Amino acid sequence: MTPRISNNAPFAEWLEKNQARLSTPLRLHRRHKNGAHEYRFPEAKALRVVAWDGSICVNVLHKRKVFDRLLDLDLAVQCGADGRYFCQWCEEEGHIARYPDRASLLEGHTFEPFLEWCKEILREDRVLVLEFVPGQWSSACFRESGQSVEPGAWGGS
């Protein structure tokens, strides 16, 4: 069994080197007792980025509680007989990507896809839309500014 790893230090190092590539700054907000690090976008206060054990997720907060999850980049680190690293869950889905070391796996599987998501979603021409039916369900997504949204006509993105 491959031991659990924490991506907090590698993510912090990657973020420091790649901050300029993000569409909006990302700042460390809090370190949780469970080892997770929570980050904020100063210009998108409803979003929280949580990094822990090789995974990154982006949550939407509403009234200080998690309303929805917009992005979930999970990682189950495995090392093959050839000494190369891969995500067990991705391989089970038929996506075969092998990396020479853990750092490359974290960067290629989690950090760079997170960066691409930020570039695509966190743009000035987009707005965050929240939809919910109290006690039943909730959903959040980004839409083009000015795009009309019919209630109940979409799911999160």
Foldseek 3Di string as FASTA:
>chain_A
DDDFDWCPVVLVVVCVVCQVLFPAGKAFDDQDPVGKTWIAGVVQRQWIWIGTRLKIWIFGHDPNHTQGTQDIQDFDWDADPVRWIDGPVCVVVVNDDTHNDPSVRSCVRHVVVVRVCRVVAVDPQKDKDKADDPPPHIAIEIDGPPDDDDHPPDHHD
